[in-house]
Amino acid sequence: MSTVVIFGTISMFLYPFLYRNGLCALTPDQMGIYTGATLHEVAHVVGAGDAMGNGISDSAIIVKMIRVMMLVPVLLDYYLSGGESAEKTSAERTEVSEDCGALVCNRLYGCHRFQFF
């Protein structure tokens, strides 16, 4: 997890540098979509977007918020569909956790439960 934060922090400074120096030949809307879709944390998206301009910042934040909102339907679908194929043995089952650690679906022994920390 720490590598995700480190690379996100690096990218927060690298994306504006590449965009401002013409090394990333994207339109402002494309750069906003790229930034919002590739950076992990909302703070990184806001920081990188603001450093590149209001238009890019708006697009980046909207894309990031859509990604965050899609976590709930994807995790609910995963939970309701059983999460894993029936062909896996209990030894092959692993714990599946949501990125920020707020929601954990423990399938280790075939039980369905959610834990909130």
Protein backbone atom coordinates (compact mmCIF):
# COMPACT_ATOMS: atom_id res chain seq x y z
CA MET A 1 0.00 0.00 0.00
CA SER A 2 2.83 2.39 0.73
CA THR A 3 4.13 2.11 -2.85
CA VAL A 4 0.73 3.27 -4.12
CA VAL A 5 0.94 6.37 -1.94
CA ILE A 6 4.56 7.04 -2.91
CA PHE A 7 3.89 6.74 -6.64
CA GLY A 8 0.71 8.80 -6.26
CA THR A 9 2.68 11.56 -4.57
CA ILE A 10 5.34 11.45 -7.27
CA SER A 11 2.67 11.54 -9.97
CA MET A 12 0.97 14.50 -8.28
CA PHE A 13 4.08 16.53 -9.11
CA LEU A 14 5.05 14.72 -12.31
CA TYR A 15 1.74 15.08 -14.20
CA PRO A 16 1.66 18.90 -14.00
CA PHE A 17 5.33 19.05 -14.98
CA LEU A 18 4.78 16.84 -18.03
CA TYR A 19 1.61 18.70 -19.04
CA ARG A 20 3.04 22.21 -18.66
CA ASN A 21 6.20 21.35 -20.62
CA GLY A 22 4.27 19.80 -23.51
CA LEU A 23 5.57 16.28 -22.91
CA CYS A 24 2.03 15.01 -22.43
CA ALA A 25 0.15 16.00 -25.58
CA LEU A 26 -3.43 15.80 -24.29
CA THR A 27 -6.28 18.26 -24.33
CA PRO A 28 -7.32 19.69 -20.94
CA ASP A 29 -10.34 17.37 -20.79
CA GLN A 30 -8.23 14.34 -21.69
CA MET A 31 -5.62 15.26 -19.10
CA GLY A 32 -8.33 15.65 -16.46
CA ILE A 33 -9.76 12.23 -17.29
CA TYR A 34 -6.29 10.69 -17.27
CA THR A 35 -5.41 12.29 -13.93
CA GLY A 36 -8.68 11.30 -12.26
CA ALA A 37 -8.51 7.75 -13.59
CA THR A 38 -4.88 7.01 -12.72
CA LEU A 39 -4.18 8.62 -9.34
CA HIS A 40 -5.21 6.63 -6.29
CA GLU A 41 -6.10 9.21 -3.67
CA VAL A 42 -8.54 12.09 -3.96
CA ALA A 43 -5.98 14.48 -2.46
CA HIS A 44 -3.49 13.59 -5.21
CA VAL A 45 -6.12 14.20 -7.88
CA VAL A 46 -7.07 17.57 -6.40
CA GLY A 47 -3.43 18.63 -6.04
CA ALA A 48 -2.39 17.58 -9.53
CA GLY A 49 -5.55 18.97 -11.13
CA ASP A 50 -5.26 22.35 -9.42
CA ALA A 51 -1.62 22.62 -10.50
CA MET A 52 -2.69 22.20 -14.14
CA GLY A 53 -5.70 24.53 -14.18
CA ASN A 54 -9.40 24.76 -13.34
CA GLY A 55 -10.66 22.87 -16.39
CA ILE A 56 -8.36 19.93 -15.77
CA SER A 57 -9.08 19.99 -12.05
CA ASP A 58 -12.85 19.86 -12.61
CA SER A 59 -12.61 16.91 -15.01
CA ALA A 60 -10.14 15.05 -12.81
CA ILE A 61 -12.23 15.42 -9.66
CA ILE A 62 -15.42 14.32 -11.42
CA VAL A 63 -13.72 11.21 -12.81
CA LYS A 64 -12.23 10.38 -9.41
CA MET A 65 -15.57 10.80 -7.64
CA ILE A 66 -17.24 8.51 -10.19
CA ARG A 67 -14.55 5.90 -9.49
CA VAL A 68 -15.15 6.21 -5.74
CA MET A 69 -18.94 5.97 -6.13
CA MET A 70 -18.60 2.84 -8.27
CA LEU A 71 -16.94 0.97 -5.38
CA VAL A 72 -20.28 0.34 -3.69
CA PRO A 73 -22.10 -1.29 -6.64
CA VAL A 74 -19.04 -3.32 -7.61
CA LEU A 75 -18.51 -4.64 -4.06
CA LEU A 76 -22.22 -5.36 -3.61
CA ASP A 77 -22.28 -7.25 -6.90
CA TYR A 78 -19.21 -9.19 -5.84
CA TYR A 79 -20.78 -10.01 -2.46
CA LEU A 80 -24.18 -10.99 -3.85
CA SER A 81 -22.75 -13.12 -6.63
CA GLY A 82 -20.79 -15.24 -4.17
CA GLY A 83 -17.49 -13.51 -4.79
CA GLU A 84 -15.55 -16.47 -6.03
CA SER A 85 -16.16 -19.42 -8.28
CA ALA A 86 -17.41 -22.61 -6.64
CA GLU A 87 -14.47 -24.52 -8.09
CA LYS A 88 -12.01 -23.03 -5.62
CA THR A 89 -11.26 -24.99 -2.49
CA SER A 90 -11.35 -23.36 0.93
CA ALA A 91 -7.55 -23.35 0.98
CA GLU A 92 -7.51 -21.22 -2.17
CA ARG A 93 -9.97 -18.65 -0.84
CA THR A 94 -8.42 -15.41 0.28
CA GLU A 95 -9.54 -12.33 2.08
CA VAL A 96 -10.78 -9.61 -0.24
CA SER A 97 -10.52 -6.10 1.12
CA GLU A 98 -11.62 -2.74 -0.19
CA ASP A 99 -8.75 -0.36 -0.89
CA CYS A 100 -9.05 1.96 2.10
CA GLY A 101 -9.65 -0.86 4.58
CA ALA A 102 -13.15 0.29 5.52
CA LEU A 103 -14.99 -2.72 4.17
CA VAL A 104 -13.77 -6.29 4.39
CA CYS A 105 -15.49 -9.32 2.93
CA ASN A 106 -14.01 -12.38 4.61
CA ARG A 107 -14.49 -15.44 2.43
CA LEU A 108 -11.78 -17.58 4.02
CA TYR A 109 -14.18 -20.19 5.38
CA GLY A 110 -17.10 -19.57 3.05
CA CYS A 111 -18.86 -17.16 5.38
CA HIS A 112 -20.36 -13.90 4.18
CA ARG A 113 -19.81 -11.04 6.60
CA PHE A 114 -18.83 -7.42 6.49
CA GLN A 115 -16.69 -5.80 9.13
CA PHE A 116 -16.48 -2.06 9.59
CA PHE A 117 -13.38 -0.67 11.25
